[in-house]
Protein backbone atom coordinates (compact mmCIF):
# COMPACT_ATOMS: atom_id res chain seq x y z
CA MET A 1 0.00 0.00 0.00
CA GLN A 2 2.70 2.46 0.99
CA LYS A 3 4.83 1.52 -2.03
CA SER A 4 1.98 2.29 -4.44
CA LEU A 5 1.34 5.63 -2.71
CA PHE A 6 4.97 6.67 -3.27
CA LEU A 7 4.72 5.55 -6.88
CA ILE A 8 1.60 7.65 -7.47
CA ILE A 9 3.13 10.72 -5.80
CA GLY A 10 6.29 10.28 -7.87
CA LEU A 11 4.31 10.04 -11.10
CA VAL A 12 2.31 13.17 -10.22
CA VAL A 13 5.49 15.14 -9.49
CA LEU A 14 7.18 13.87 -12.65
CA SER A 15 4.20 14.76 -14.82
CA ALA A 16 3.96 18.23 -13.24
CA VAL A 17 7.64 18.88 -14.00
CA MET A 18 7.24 17.63 -17.57
CA ILE A 19 4.19 19.85 -18.16
CA ARG A 20 6.11 22.84 -16.78
CA VAL A 21 9.06 22.17 -19.11
CA ILE A 22 6.86 21.65 -22.17
CA THR A 23 4.90 24.86 -21.61
CA LYS A 24 8.08 26.88 -21.06
CA LEU A 25 9.78 25.80 -24.31
CA PRO A 26 7.97 28.05 -26.82
CA ALA A 27 8.77 31.23 -24.86
CA ARG A 28 12.48 30.67 -25.41
CA TYR A 29 12.24 30.64 -29.19
CA GLU A 30 9.57 33.25 -29.86
CA ARG A 31 11.12 36.68 -30.05
CA LYS A 32 9.35 39.81 -31.18
CA PRO A 33 11.29 42.16 -33.47
CA LYS A 34 11.93 45.58 -31.98
CA THR A 35 11.17 47.36 -35.24
CA LEU A 36 9.13 46.30 -38.22
CA SER A 37 11.16 45.48 -41.30
CA THR A 38 9.54 45.61 -44.71
CA TRP A 39 9.20 41.82 -44.67
CA SER A 40 7.60 41.64 -41.24
CA ALA A 41 5.33 44.55 -42.16
CA LEU A 42 4.06 42.53 -45.10
CA ASP A 43 3.47 39.57 -42.77
CA HIS A 44 1.25 41.79 -40.60
CA GLY A 45 -0.64 43.20 -43.58
CA ILE A 46 1.04 46.61 -43.48
CA ASP A 47 2.01 48.31 -46.72
CA PRO A 48 5.81 48.81 -46.49
CA THR A 49 5.73 51.67 -49.01
CA ASP A 50 3.81 53.79 -46.50
CA ARG A 51 6.70 55.22 -44.43
CA GLU A 52 4.45 56.74 -41.76
CA VAL A 53 3.61 53.28 -40.44
CA LEU A 54 7.19 52.06 -40.15
């Protein structure tokens, strides 16, 4: 009984750590550009020839 309780607690802790790691991963790789380049302006639907926007 006690052995299975430790096993369940261990699995819960391990799954919580894994979920935390998986949800943290995308934040490391997603970086917002500080200024809009002409290419990123096109990606956002902004006309790059309009200099007032950039």
